[in-house]
N, C-alpha and C. Protein backbone atom coordinates (compact mmCIF):
# COMPACT_ATOMS: atom_id res chain seq x y z
N MET A 1 -102.67 17.43 -100.81
CA MET A 1 -101.63 18.19 -100.10
C MET A 1 -100.84 19.00 -101.08
N SER A 2 -100.55 20.27 -100.74
CA SER A 2 -99.87 21.20 -101.61
C SER A 2 -98.34 21.05 -101.50
N TYR A 3 -97.68 21.33 -102.59
CA TYR A 3 -96.21 21.41 -102.57
C TYR A 3 -95.79 22.64 -101.71
N ILE A 4 -94.61 22.54 -101.08
CA ILE A 4 -94.04 23.68 -100.40
C ILE A 4 -93.26 24.50 -101.44
N VAL A 5 -93.45 25.79 -101.40
CA VAL A 5 -92.71 26.71 -102.31
C VAL A 5 -91.79 27.56 -101.43
N LYS A 6 -90.51 27.54 -101.74
CA LYS A 6 -89.53 28.33 -101.01
C LYS A 6 -88.83 29.26 -102.00
N ILE A 7 -88.70 30.50 -101.69
CA ILE A 7 -87.92 31.43 -102.42
C ILE A 7 -86.71 31.75 -101.61
N CYS A 8 -85.51 31.49 -102.11
CA CYS A 8 -84.25 31.66 -101.29
C CYS A 8 -83.45 32.83 -101.89
N GLY A 9 -82.46 33.25 -101.01
CA GLY A 9 -81.59 34.32 -101.44
C GLY A 9 -82.25 35.68 -101.40
N LEU A 10 -83.21 35.87 -100.55
CA LEU A 10 -83.89 37.20 -100.47
C LEU A 10 -82.99 38.20 -99.74
N THR A 11 -82.94 39.39 -100.30
CA THR A 11 -82.09 40.46 -99.68
C THR A 11 -82.83 41.80 -99.50
N ARG A 12 -84.00 41.96 -100.11
CA ARG A 12 -84.69 43.22 -100.11
C ARG A 12 -86.11 43.08 -99.53
N ALA A 13 -86.52 44.10 -98.77
CA ALA A 13 -87.86 44.10 -98.19
C ALA A 13 -88.91 44.06 -99.27
N HIS A 14 -88.61 44.77 -100.38
CA HIS A 14 -89.58 44.74 -101.53
C HIS A 14 -89.85 43.30 -102.02
N ASP A 15 -88.82 42.52 -102.14
CA ASP A 15 -88.95 41.17 -102.65
C ASP A 15 -89.61 40.26 -101.58
N VAL A 16 -89.30 40.46 -100.33
CA VAL A 16 -89.99 39.72 -99.29
C VAL A 16 -91.47 39.96 -99.29
N LEU A 17 -91.86 41.21 -99.48
CA LEU A 17 -93.26 41.56 -99.57
C LEU A 17 -93.94 40.92 -100.73
N ALA A 18 -93.23 40.93 -101.89
CA ALA A 18 -93.81 40.29 -103.06
C ALA A 18 -94.03 38.82 -102.85
N CYS A 19 -93.11 38.15 -102.15
CA CYS A 19 -93.28 36.75 -101.82
C CYS A 19 -94.51 36.51 -100.90
N VAL A 20 -94.60 37.35 -99.87
CA VAL A 20 -95.66 37.20 -98.92
C VAL A 20 -97.02 37.39 -99.63
N ARG A 21 -97.10 38.41 -100.48
CA ARG A 21 -98.35 38.70 -101.17
C ARG A 21 -98.68 37.55 -102.20
N ALA A 22 -97.69 36.90 -102.73
CA ALA A 22 -97.89 35.89 -103.77
C ALA A 22 -98.31 34.58 -103.06
N GLY A 23 -98.02 34.42 -101.78
CA GLY A 23 -98.35 33.17 -101.07
C GLY A 23 -97.21 32.16 -100.94
N VAL A 24 -95.97 32.66 -101.00
CA VAL A 24 -94.84 31.77 -100.82
C VAL A 24 -94.82 31.19 -99.41
N ASP A 25 -94.53 29.90 -99.29
CA ASP A 25 -94.59 29.20 -97.97
C ASP A 25 -93.38 29.46 -97.12
N TRP A 26 -92.18 29.41 -97.71
CA TRP A 26 -90.91 29.57 -96.99
C TRP A 26 -90.09 30.70 -97.62
N LEU A 27 -89.49 31.53 -96.80
CA LEU A 27 -88.62 32.62 -97.30
C LEU A 27 -87.21 32.31 -96.82
N GLY A 28 -86.24 32.26 -97.78
CA GLY A 28 -84.88 31.88 -97.45
C GLY A 28 -83.93 33.06 -97.40
N PHE A 29 -83.09 33.13 -96.36
CA PHE A 29 -82.10 34.14 -96.14
C PHE A 29 -80.72 33.51 -95.94
N ILE A 30 -79.71 33.99 -96.65
CA ILE A 30 -78.40 33.36 -96.66
C ILE A 30 -77.45 34.07 -95.70
N PHE A 31 -76.96 33.33 -94.77
CA PHE A 31 -75.98 33.86 -93.81
C PHE A 31 -74.59 33.32 -94.02
N HIS A 32 -74.16 33.33 -95.24
CA HIS A 32 -72.85 32.92 -95.66
C HIS A 32 -72.13 34.13 -96.24
N PRO A 33 -71.16 34.68 -95.54
CA PRO A 33 -70.60 36.00 -95.95
C PRO A 33 -70.10 36.12 -97.37
N SER A 34 -69.60 35.01 -97.97
CA SER A 34 -69.02 35.08 -99.30
C SER A 34 -70.10 35.01 -100.42
N SER A 35 -71.35 34.74 -100.02
CA SER A 35 -72.43 34.69 -101.00
C SER A 35 -72.83 36.07 -101.53
N PRO A 36 -73.09 36.18 -102.80
CA PRO A 36 -73.60 37.52 -103.28
C PRO A 36 -75.00 37.82 -102.78
N ARG A 37 -75.62 36.86 -102.16
CA ARG A 37 -76.96 37.08 -101.57
C ARG A 37 -76.93 37.10 -100.06
N ALA A 38 -75.75 37.29 -99.48
CA ALA A 38 -75.64 37.27 -98.03
C ALA A 38 -76.41 38.45 -97.42
N ILE A 39 -76.91 38.23 -96.20
CA ILE A 39 -77.66 39.26 -95.49
C ILE A 39 -77.35 39.13 -94.05
N SER A 40 -77.65 40.19 -93.28
CA SER A 40 -77.36 40.14 -91.82
C SER A 40 -78.63 39.76 -91.07
N ALA A 41 -78.40 39.19 -89.92
CA ALA A 41 -79.55 38.80 -89.08
C ALA A 41 -80.38 40.04 -88.66
N ARG A 42 -79.73 41.13 -88.46
CA ARG A 42 -80.43 42.36 -88.10
C ARG A 42 -81.39 42.78 -89.19
N ARG A 43 -81.02 42.75 -90.46
CA ARG A 43 -81.88 43.11 -91.50
C ARG A 43 -83.05 42.16 -91.63
N VAL A 44 -82.77 40.88 -91.55
CA VAL A 44 -83.84 39.85 -91.63
C VAL A 44 -84.88 40.02 -90.52
N ALA A 45 -84.37 40.37 -89.32
CA ALA A 45 -85.28 40.53 -88.17
C ALA A 45 -86.30 41.60 -88.45
N ALA A 46 -86.00 42.61 -89.27
CA ALA A 46 -86.87 43.75 -89.57
C ALA A 46 -87.92 43.41 -90.59
N PHE A 47 -87.77 42.35 -91.34
CA PHE A 47 -88.77 41.99 -92.36
C PHE A 47 -90.04 41.48 -91.75
N GLU A 48 -91.13 41.96 -92.33
CA GLU A 48 -92.47 41.41 -91.94
C GLU A 48 -92.84 40.32 -92.93
N THR A 49 -93.04 39.11 -92.42
CA THR A 49 -93.17 37.95 -93.30
C THR A 49 -94.48 37.20 -93.11
N GLY A 50 -95.41 37.76 -92.35
CA GLY A 50 -96.72 37.11 -92.20
C GLY A 50 -96.63 35.71 -91.66
N THR A 51 -97.32 34.80 -92.26
CA THR A 51 -97.33 33.42 -91.83
C THR A 51 -96.27 32.55 -92.52
N ALA A 52 -95.52 33.16 -93.46
CA ALA A 52 -94.47 32.39 -94.13
C ALA A 52 -93.38 31.98 -93.17
N ARG A 53 -92.82 30.78 -93.35
CA ARG A 53 -91.74 30.32 -92.48
C ARG A 53 -90.44 30.96 -92.98
N ARG A 54 -89.62 31.34 -91.95
CA ARG A 54 -88.37 32.01 -92.19
C ARG A 54 -87.23 30.98 -92.08
N VAL A 55 -86.41 30.89 -93.12
CA VAL A 55 -85.38 29.84 -93.24
C VAL A 55 -84.01 30.52 -93.38
N GLY A 56 -83.07 30.11 -92.54
CA GLY A 56 -81.75 30.63 -92.63
C GLY A 56 -80.82 29.60 -93.28
N VAL A 57 -79.94 30.01 -94.21
CA VAL A 57 -79.02 29.10 -94.86
C VAL A 57 -77.66 29.30 -94.22
N PHE A 58 -77.07 28.26 -93.65
CA PHE A 58 -75.82 28.31 -92.98
C PHE A 58 -74.81 27.30 -93.61
N VAL A 59 -73.54 27.74 -93.57
CA VAL A 59 -72.47 26.91 -94.17
C VAL A 59 -71.42 26.56 -93.19
N HIS A 60 -70.67 27.55 -92.67
CA HIS A 60 -69.51 27.25 -91.81
C HIS A 60 -69.69 27.66 -90.34
N GLN A 61 -70.85 28.11 -89.97
CA GLN A 61 -71.05 28.52 -88.59
C GLN A 61 -71.07 27.32 -87.66
N SER A 62 -70.79 27.59 -86.39
CA SER A 62 -70.89 26.59 -85.34
C SER A 62 -72.39 26.48 -84.92
N PRO A 63 -72.75 25.45 -84.19
CA PRO A 63 -74.10 25.32 -83.72
C PRO A 63 -74.52 26.53 -82.90
N ALA A 64 -73.69 26.99 -82.02
CA ALA A 64 -73.98 28.16 -81.21
C ALA A 64 -74.25 29.42 -82.03
N GLU A 65 -73.44 29.59 -83.14
CA GLU A 65 -73.61 30.72 -84.02
C GLU A 65 -74.93 30.61 -84.78
N VAL A 66 -75.23 29.41 -85.19
CA VAL A 66 -76.55 29.19 -85.91
C VAL A 66 -77.71 29.57 -85.01
N LEU A 67 -77.64 29.08 -83.80
CA LEU A 67 -78.74 29.35 -82.84
C LEU A 67 -78.86 30.82 -82.50
N ALA A 68 -77.73 31.47 -82.40
CA ALA A 68 -77.78 32.94 -82.15
C ALA A 68 -78.43 33.69 -83.28
N VAL A 69 -78.06 33.37 -84.53
CA VAL A 69 -78.64 34.00 -85.67
C VAL A 69 -80.11 33.70 -85.80
N MET A 70 -80.51 32.47 -85.52
CA MET A 70 -81.87 32.10 -85.58
C MET A 70 -82.71 32.92 -84.61
N CYS A 71 -82.17 33.16 -83.42
CA CYS A 71 -82.88 33.95 -82.42
C CYS A 71 -82.98 35.37 -82.89
N GLU A 72 -81.88 35.98 -83.31
CA GLU A 72 -81.87 37.41 -83.67
C GLU A 72 -82.75 37.65 -84.89
N ALA A 73 -82.66 36.75 -85.90
CA ALA A 73 -83.39 36.93 -87.20
C ALA A 73 -84.81 36.39 -87.13
N ARG A 74 -85.19 35.79 -86.03
CA ARG A 74 -86.53 35.25 -85.85
C ARG A 74 -86.85 34.13 -86.87
N LEU A 75 -85.85 33.21 -86.98
CA LEU A 75 -85.95 32.15 -87.98
C LEU A 75 -86.76 30.94 -87.41
N ASP A 76 -87.42 30.26 -88.36
CA ASP A 76 -88.13 29.03 -88.01
C ASP A 76 -87.32 27.77 -88.24
N LEU A 77 -86.46 27.84 -89.33
CA LEU A 77 -85.74 26.70 -89.76
C LEU A 77 -84.30 27.09 -90.13
N ALA A 78 -83.37 26.10 -89.98
CA ALA A 78 -81.99 26.31 -90.36
C ALA A 78 -81.67 25.30 -91.44
N GLN A 79 -81.35 25.83 -92.62
CA GLN A 79 -80.96 24.99 -93.77
C GLN A 79 -79.46 24.83 -93.76
N LEU A 80 -79.00 23.64 -93.55
CA LEU A 80 -77.60 23.38 -93.32
C LEU A 80 -76.86 22.92 -94.60
N HIS A 81 -76.04 23.77 -95.15
CA HIS A 81 -75.41 23.61 -96.44
C HIS A 81 -73.94 23.20 -96.37
N GLY A 82 -73.41 22.98 -95.16
CA GLY A 82 -71.97 22.72 -95.04
C GLY A 82 -71.58 21.36 -94.74
N GLY A 83 -72.41 20.34 -94.94
CA GLY A 83 -72.12 18.98 -94.63
C GLY A 83 -72.07 18.72 -93.15
N GLN A 84 -72.89 19.50 -92.38
CA GLN A 84 -72.91 19.29 -90.93
C GLN A 84 -73.38 17.87 -90.53
N ASN A 85 -72.79 17.38 -89.46
CA ASN A 85 -73.07 16.00 -89.06
C ASN A 85 -74.32 15.89 -88.20
N GLN A 86 -74.65 14.66 -87.76
CA GLN A 86 -75.83 14.41 -87.00
C GLN A 86 -75.82 15.13 -85.66
N ALA A 87 -74.71 15.18 -85.00
CA ALA A 87 -74.62 15.88 -83.73
C ALA A 87 -74.97 17.37 -83.85
N PHE A 88 -74.42 17.95 -84.95
CA PHE A 88 -74.72 19.35 -85.23
C PHE A 88 -76.20 19.61 -85.35
N CYS A 89 -76.82 18.77 -86.15
CA CYS A 89 -78.28 18.89 -86.40
C CYS A 89 -79.06 18.78 -85.12
N ALA A 90 -78.65 17.81 -84.30
CA ALA A 90 -79.38 17.62 -83.01
C ALA A 90 -79.21 18.85 -82.10
N GLU A 91 -78.05 19.48 -82.14
CA GLU A 91 -77.84 20.58 -81.28
C GLU A 91 -78.67 21.78 -81.76
N VAL A 92 -78.84 21.99 -83.01
CA VAL A 92 -79.67 23.06 -83.57
C VAL A 92 -81.13 22.80 -83.24
N GLY A 93 -81.56 21.54 -83.31
CA GLY A 93 -82.92 21.17 -82.97
C GLY A 93 -83.56 20.38 -84.15
N VAL A 94 -83.80 19.09 -83.90
CA VAL A 94 -84.28 18.28 -84.97
C VAL A 94 -85.44 18.85 -85.72
N GLU A 95 -86.39 19.41 -85.02
CA GLU A 95 -87.63 19.92 -85.67
C GLU A 95 -87.36 21.17 -86.45
N ARG A 96 -86.13 21.73 -86.43
CA ARG A 96 -85.87 23.00 -87.10
C ARG A 96 -84.82 22.84 -88.20
N VAL A 97 -84.35 21.62 -88.49
CA VAL A 97 -83.27 21.43 -89.42
C VAL A 97 -83.76 21.03 -90.82
N VAL A 98 -83.24 21.74 -91.83
CA VAL A 98 -83.39 21.29 -93.21
C VAL A 98 -81.98 20.90 -93.64
N ARG A 99 -81.71 19.63 -93.84
CA ARG A 99 -80.38 19.14 -94.16
C ARG A 99 -80.26 18.98 -95.67
N VAL A 100 -79.20 19.58 -96.25
CA VAL A 100 -78.99 19.65 -97.65
C VAL A 100 -78.09 18.45 -98.08
N PHE A 101 -78.45 17.82 -99.24
CA PHE A 101 -77.62 16.78 -99.87
C PHE A 101 -77.46 17.12 -101.34
N TRP A 102 -76.30 16.64 -101.87
CA TRP A 102 -75.99 16.84 -103.25
C TRP A 102 -75.91 15.47 -103.93
N PRO A 103 -76.99 15.06 -104.62
CA PRO A 103 -77.00 13.74 -105.23
C PRO A 103 -75.89 13.41 -106.15
N GLN A 104 -75.30 14.44 -106.81
CA GLN A 104 -74.19 14.21 -107.78
C GLN A 104 -72.90 13.75 -107.06
N ARG A 105 -72.86 13.85 -105.75
CA ARG A 105 -71.73 13.32 -105.03
C ARG A 105 -71.74 11.79 -104.93
N TYR A 106 -72.88 11.20 -105.21
CA TYR A 106 -73.04 9.78 -104.90
C TYR A 106 -72.96 9.00 -106.18
N PRO A 107 -72.10 7.92 -106.29
CA PRO A 107 -72.04 7.16 -107.51
C PRO A 107 -73.25 6.22 -107.71
N ARG A 108 -73.94 5.87 -106.60
CA ARG A 108 -75.08 5.02 -106.68
C ARG A 108 -76.20 5.54 -105.85
N VAL A 109 -77.43 5.26 -106.24
CA VAL A 109 -78.61 5.67 -105.46
C VAL A 109 -78.58 5.10 -104.05
N THR A 110 -78.10 3.85 -103.95
CA THR A 110 -78.05 3.23 -102.63
C THR A 110 -77.15 4.01 -101.65
N ASP A 111 -76.12 4.60 -102.16
CA ASP A 111 -75.22 5.40 -101.33
C ASP A 111 -75.89 6.63 -100.79
N LEU A 112 -76.72 7.27 -101.66
CA LEU A 112 -77.49 8.43 -101.25
C LEU A 112 -78.52 8.02 -100.20
N GLU A 113 -79.19 6.96 -100.48
CA GLU A 113 -80.23 6.45 -99.54
C GLU A 113 -79.70 6.15 -98.14
N LYS A 114 -78.48 5.60 -98.12
CA LYS A 114 -77.81 5.28 -96.84
C LYS A 114 -77.54 6.50 -96.07
N ASP A 115 -77.07 7.57 -96.75
CA ASP A 115 -76.78 8.82 -96.07
C ASP A 115 -78.11 9.51 -95.60
N LEU A 116 -79.11 9.46 -96.42
CA LEU A 116 -80.43 10.02 -96.02
C LEU A 116 -80.89 9.28 -94.76
N ALA A 117 -80.79 8.03 -94.74
CA ALA A 117 -81.32 7.23 -93.59
C ALA A 117 -80.56 7.61 -92.31
N SER A 118 -79.24 7.91 -92.45
CA SER A 118 -78.46 8.27 -91.26
C SER A 118 -78.86 9.57 -90.65
N PHE A 119 -79.52 10.42 -91.41
CA PHE A 119 -79.99 11.75 -90.92
C PHE A 119 -81.48 11.77 -90.61
N SER A 120 -82.16 10.69 -90.83
CA SER A 120 -83.63 10.71 -90.77
C SER A 120 -84.14 11.04 -89.32
N GLU A 121 -83.35 10.82 -88.29
CA GLU A 121 -83.78 11.15 -86.96
C GLU A 121 -83.32 12.50 -86.42
N VAL A 122 -82.56 13.21 -87.23
CA VAL A 122 -82.04 14.51 -86.75
C VAL A 122 -82.39 15.65 -87.68
N ALA A 123 -83.28 15.48 -88.59
CA ALA A 123 -83.71 16.57 -89.46
C ALA A 123 -85.18 16.47 -89.69
N ALA A 124 -85.82 17.62 -89.89
CA ALA A 124 -87.25 17.68 -90.21
C ALA A 124 -87.56 17.57 -91.69
N TYR A 125 -86.57 18.08 -92.46
CA TYR A 125 -86.72 18.12 -93.91
C TYR A 125 -85.34 17.84 -94.56
N PHE A 126 -85.41 17.37 -95.79
CA PHE A 126 -84.21 17.23 -96.63
C PHE A 126 -84.39 18.21 -97.82
N LEU A 127 -83.23 18.59 -98.36
CA LEU A 127 -83.21 19.37 -99.58
C LEU A 127 -82.13 18.86 -100.45
N LEU A 128 -82.51 18.59 -101.73
CA LEU A 128 -81.54 18.10 -102.74
C LEU A 128 -81.13 19.23 -103.66
N ASP A 129 -79.83 19.50 -103.73
CA ASP A 129 -79.33 20.58 -104.56
C ASP A 129 -78.43 20.04 -105.67
N ALA A 130 -78.25 20.85 -106.70
CA ALA A 130 -77.44 20.47 -107.83
C ALA A 130 -75.96 20.79 -107.54
N GLY A 131 -75.07 20.20 -108.31
CA GLY A 131 -73.66 20.41 -108.15
C GLY A 131 -73.09 19.52 -107.01
N LEU A 132 -71.90 19.88 -106.57
CA LEU A 132 -71.21 19.08 -105.57
C LEU A 132 -71.14 19.78 -104.21
N SER A 133 -71.47 21.02 -104.18
CA SER A 133 -71.47 21.82 -102.93
C SER A 133 -72.11 23.14 -103.21
N GLY A 134 -72.26 23.96 -102.15
CA GLY A 134 -72.76 25.29 -102.28
C GLY A 134 -74.24 25.33 -102.77
N GLY A 135 -74.60 26.29 -103.56
CA GLY A 135 -75.93 26.48 -103.99
C GLY A 135 -76.09 27.80 -104.71
N GLY A 136 -77.26 27.99 -105.40
CA GLY A 136 -77.53 29.26 -106.07
C GLY A 136 -76.72 29.40 -107.32
N CYS A 137 -76.21 28.33 -107.88
CA CYS A 137 -75.31 28.44 -109.05
C CYS A 137 -76.05 28.28 -110.36
N GLY A 138 -77.30 27.86 -110.28
CA GLY A 138 -78.13 27.78 -111.52
C GLY A 138 -78.02 26.33 -112.16
N GLU A 139 -77.21 25.48 -111.63
CA GLU A 139 -77.11 24.09 -112.14
C GLU A 139 -78.41 23.37 -111.85
N THR A 140 -78.68 22.34 -112.65
CA THR A 140 -79.89 21.55 -112.44
C THR A 140 -79.55 20.09 -112.10
N LEU A 141 -80.46 19.48 -111.48
CA LEU A 141 -80.28 18.02 -111.07
C LEU A 141 -80.74 17.09 -112.17
N ASP A 142 -80.14 15.91 -112.20
CA ASP A 142 -80.63 14.81 -113.04
C ASP A 142 -81.71 14.07 -112.27
N LEU A 143 -82.98 14.36 -112.61
CA LEU A 143 -84.10 13.81 -111.81
C LEU A 143 -84.29 12.31 -112.05
N ASP A 144 -83.82 11.80 -113.16
CA ASP A 144 -83.93 10.42 -113.39
C ASP A 144 -83.18 9.56 -112.30
N PHE A 145 -82.10 10.11 -111.78
CA PHE A 145 -81.31 9.52 -110.77
C PHE A 145 -82.16 9.31 -109.50
N LEU A 146 -83.15 10.20 -109.31
CA LEU A 146 -83.91 10.21 -108.06
C LEU A 146 -85.24 9.50 -108.14
N THR A 147 -85.58 8.97 -109.31
CA THR A 147 -86.91 8.46 -109.57
C THR A 147 -87.43 7.48 -108.53
N ASP A 148 -86.55 6.55 -108.10
CA ASP A 148 -87.03 5.49 -107.20
C ASP A 148 -86.58 5.73 -105.74
N VAL A 149 -86.02 6.88 -105.45
CA VAL A 149 -85.58 7.13 -104.06
C VAL A 149 -86.77 7.40 -103.16
N ILE A 150 -86.83 6.72 -102.06
CA ILE A 150 -87.84 6.98 -101.03
C ILE A 150 -87.20 7.75 -99.92
N PHE A 151 -87.71 8.96 -99.68
CA PHE A 151 -87.09 9.83 -98.65
C PHE A 151 -87.77 9.61 -97.30
N PRO A 152 -86.93 9.45 -96.28
CA PRO A 152 -87.53 9.26 -94.94
C PRO A 152 -88.05 10.53 -94.29
N ARG A 153 -87.80 11.66 -94.93
CA ARG A 153 -88.34 12.95 -94.47
C ARG A 153 -88.81 13.71 -95.70
N PRO A 154 -89.77 14.69 -95.49
CA PRO A 154 -90.19 15.48 -96.66
C PRO A 154 -88.98 16.16 -97.36
N CYS A 155 -88.99 16.10 -98.66
CA CYS A 155 -87.80 16.55 -99.42
C CYS A 155 -88.16 17.62 -100.42
N LEU A 156 -87.38 18.68 -100.42
CA LEU A 156 -87.48 19.78 -101.42
C LEU A 156 -86.41 19.64 -102.47
N LEU A 157 -86.76 20.04 -103.67
CA LEU A 157 -85.83 20.00 -104.79
C LEU A 157 -85.32 21.41 -105.04
N ALA A 158 -84.01 21.57 -105.27
CA ALA A 158 -83.43 22.82 -105.61
C ALA A 158 -82.47 22.65 -106.80
N GLY A 159 -81.92 23.75 -107.27
CA GLY A 159 -80.89 23.70 -108.34
C GLY A 159 -81.45 24.18 -109.68
N GLY A 160 -81.27 25.50 -109.93
CA GLY A 160 -81.61 26.05 -111.21
C GLY A 160 -83.07 25.98 -111.59
N LEU A 161 -83.92 26.01 -110.58
CA LEU A 161 -85.36 25.84 -110.90
C LEU A 161 -85.99 27.12 -111.45
N THR A 162 -86.74 26.95 -112.53
CA THR A 162 -87.52 28.00 -113.14
C THR A 162 -89.01 27.51 -113.12
N ALA A 163 -89.89 28.45 -113.44
CA ALA A 163 -91.29 28.03 -113.50
C ALA A 163 -91.48 26.94 -114.54
N GLU A 164 -90.82 27.06 -115.64
CA GLU A 164 -91.03 26.07 -116.72
C GLU A 164 -90.51 24.68 -116.29
N ARG A 165 -89.32 24.67 -115.69
CA ARG A 165 -88.76 23.38 -115.29
C ARG A 165 -89.65 22.72 -114.22
N VAL A 166 -90.07 23.51 -113.26
CA VAL A 166 -90.95 22.93 -112.17
C VAL A 166 -92.25 22.46 -112.72
N ALA A 167 -92.87 23.19 -113.68
CA ALA A 167 -94.14 22.75 -114.25
C ALA A 167 -93.99 21.39 -114.92
N ALA A 168 -92.82 21.16 -115.56
CA ALA A 168 -92.59 19.89 -116.18
C ALA A 168 -92.41 18.79 -115.15
N VAL A 169 -91.78 19.10 -113.98
CA VAL A 169 -91.60 18.11 -112.94
C VAL A 169 -92.95 17.78 -112.33
N VAL A 170 -93.74 18.82 -111.98
CA VAL A 170 -95.03 18.61 -111.38
C VAL A 170 -95.96 17.76 -112.22
N SER A 171 -95.85 17.97 -113.55
CA SER A 171 -96.71 17.28 -114.45
C SER A 171 -96.55 15.73 -114.40
N THR A 172 -95.39 15.32 -113.89
CA THR A 172 -95.09 13.83 -113.75
C THR A 172 -95.58 13.27 -112.44
N ASN A 173 -96.22 14.12 -111.61
CA ASN A 173 -96.68 13.65 -110.25
C ASN A 173 -95.58 12.97 -109.46
N PRO A 174 -94.47 13.62 -109.22
CA PRO A 174 -93.39 12.93 -108.50
C PRO A 174 -93.79 12.60 -107.10
N PRO A 175 -93.81 11.34 -106.72
CA PRO A 175 -94.34 10.88 -105.39
C PRO A 175 -93.30 11.20 -104.27
N ASN A 176 -92.09 11.51 -104.62
CA ASN A 176 -91.03 11.64 -103.61
C ASN A 176 -90.56 13.05 -103.43
N ILE A 177 -91.24 14.05 -104.00
CA ILE A 177 -90.84 15.41 -103.82
C ILE A 177 -91.94 16.21 -103.08
N SER A 178 -91.63 16.91 -102.01
CA SER A 178 -92.57 17.64 -101.20
C SER A 178 -92.63 19.12 -101.51
N GLY A 179 -91.62 19.62 -102.22
CA GLY A 179 -91.61 21.05 -102.51
C GLY A 179 -90.45 21.46 -103.38
N PHE A 180 -90.39 22.80 -103.67
CA PHE A 180 -89.38 23.34 -104.59
C PHE A 180 -88.77 24.59 -104.02
N ASP A 181 -87.49 24.69 -104.17
CA ASP A 181 -86.69 25.81 -103.64
C ASP A 181 -86.16 26.62 -104.85
N PHE A 182 -86.72 27.82 -105.04
CA PHE A 182 -86.33 28.68 -106.15
C PHE A 182 -85.29 29.71 -105.66
N ASN A 183 -84.33 30.02 -106.54
CA ASN A 183 -83.38 31.04 -106.18
C ASN A 183 -83.02 31.82 -107.47
N SER A 184 -81.96 31.39 -108.14
CA SER A 184 -81.54 32.09 -109.37
C SER A 184 -82.57 32.16 -110.47
N GLY A 185 -83.47 31.19 -110.48
CA GLY A 185 -84.49 31.11 -111.48
C GLY A 185 -85.64 32.12 -111.34
N VAL A 186 -85.63 32.89 -110.27
CA VAL A 186 -86.69 33.92 -110.09
C VAL A 186 -86.08 35.27 -109.77
N GLU A 187 -84.85 35.52 -110.30
CA GLU A 187 -84.25 36.85 -110.07
C GLU A 187 -83.60 37.40 -111.34
N ASN A 188 -83.35 38.69 -111.29
CA ASN A 188 -82.72 39.41 -112.41
C ASN A 188 -81.19 39.43 -112.24
N SER A 189 -80.76 39.43 -111.03
CA SER A 189 -79.29 39.33 -110.66
C SER A 189 -79.28 38.81 -109.30
N PRO A 190 -78.11 38.35 -108.82
CA PRO A 190 -77.99 37.74 -107.48
C PRO A 190 -78.60 38.59 -106.36
N GLY A 191 -79.63 38.03 -105.73
CA GLY A 191 -80.28 38.75 -104.59
C GLY A 191 -81.36 39.71 -105.00
N ILE A 192 -81.51 39.95 -106.33
CA ILE A 192 -82.60 40.89 -106.82
C ILE A 192 -83.65 40.05 -107.52
N LYS A 193 -84.76 39.84 -106.79
CA LYS A 193 -85.80 39.02 -107.32
C LYS A 193 -86.75 39.74 -108.27
N ASP A 194 -87.44 38.92 -109.03
CA ASP A 194 -88.39 39.47 -110.05
C ASP A 194 -89.78 39.04 -109.66
N SER A 195 -90.68 39.95 -109.34
CA SER A 195 -92.00 39.62 -108.83
C SER A 195 -92.82 38.83 -109.82
N ASP A 196 -92.63 39.08 -111.13
CA ASP A 196 -93.36 38.29 -112.12
C ASP A 196 -92.85 36.86 -112.20
N LEU A 197 -91.56 36.68 -112.06
CA LEU A 197 -90.99 35.31 -112.05
C LEU A 197 -91.46 34.60 -110.79
N ILE A 198 -91.56 35.26 -109.66
CA ILE A 198 -92.08 34.65 -108.43
C ILE A 198 -93.49 34.20 -108.63
N LYS A 199 -94.32 35.10 -109.16
CA LYS A 199 -95.73 34.66 -109.46
C LYS A 199 -95.84 33.48 -110.43
N ALA A 200 -94.97 33.44 -111.44
CA ALA A 200 -94.97 32.34 -112.35
C ALA A 200 -94.56 31.04 -111.68
N ALA A 201 -93.57 31.14 -110.80
CA ALA A 201 -93.15 29.98 -110.07
C ALA A 201 -94.23 29.40 -109.22
N LEU A 202 -94.98 30.29 -108.48
CA LEU A 202 -96.08 29.84 -107.69
C LEU A 202 -97.19 29.22 -108.54
N ALA A 203 -97.44 29.79 -109.68
CA ALA A 203 -98.49 29.26 -110.58
C ALA A 203 -98.09 27.88 -111.06
N ALA A 204 -96.79 27.69 -111.39
CA ALA A 204 -96.36 26.38 -111.90
C ALA A 204 -96.47 25.28 -110.86
N VAL A 205 -96.26 25.63 -109.58
CA VAL A 205 -96.34 24.65 -108.51
C VAL A 205 -97.73 24.38 -108.10
N THR A 206 -98.52 25.41 -107.93
CA THR A 206 -99.84 25.27 -107.31
C THR A 206 -100.96 24.83 -108.22
N LYS A 207 -100.61 24.65 -109.48
CA LYS A 207 -101.61 24.12 -110.42
C LYS A 207 -102.12 22.74 -110.03
N LYS A 208 -101.26 22.01 -109.33
CA LYS A 208 -101.54 20.61 -109.05
C LYS A 208 -101.24 20.26 -107.63
N GLU A 209 -102.09 19.39 -107.03
CA GLU A 209 -101.84 18.97 -105.67
C GLU A 209 -100.76 17.87 -105.67
N ARG A 210 -100.00 17.87 -104.61
CA ARG A 210 -98.94 16.80 -104.48
C ARG A 210 -99.55 15.43 -104.20
N PRO A 211 -99.07 14.37 -104.84
CA PRO A 211 -99.61 13.05 -104.55
C PRO A 211 -99.47 12.68 -103.09
N GLN A 212 -100.46 12.02 -102.56
CA GLN A 212 -100.47 11.61 -101.13
C GLN A 212 -99.48 10.44 -100.92
């Protein structure tokens, strides 16, 4: 089984096309107004994305607002970055939710696992990001903290990922990681992606199949 590759923070049709041509699985669009990578639903709706899944990143919107943007922008998944609760996830749609967690918030692995378990019935995927909140800051996760964590849903890793860093992770055959979410590590400036870095990221991930 292959790892999922997501490129997040896309703002330009040129970069979307580069991702589609390279074979990126998920395309991420940020609907948080204060983000330097923010984009409108109208612009995203105009992008041609082939078979890649379209993911919206949401922070402070209500469930109704999330659903409205998903409809207008033709999104497949909603990545919830604002600490949304279980009821929020259920209202958006269990099969369409990517719930974000920040492992550095938890003093013990068991605390993280407890929180993951509490969302296991209301999310299709989990995503682990670096820092204590937000995203796209270029910080990296301490992967040793996650070595023995068993995720009840497929889990993507984020946080300052570059082709080199992901290649090192993939070489260890991590049994608990289903994919990688690239953002700042494949761009020249916020929202401006680099096609060569995107290709390198794909190459780093797809060299090896994910452990079953």
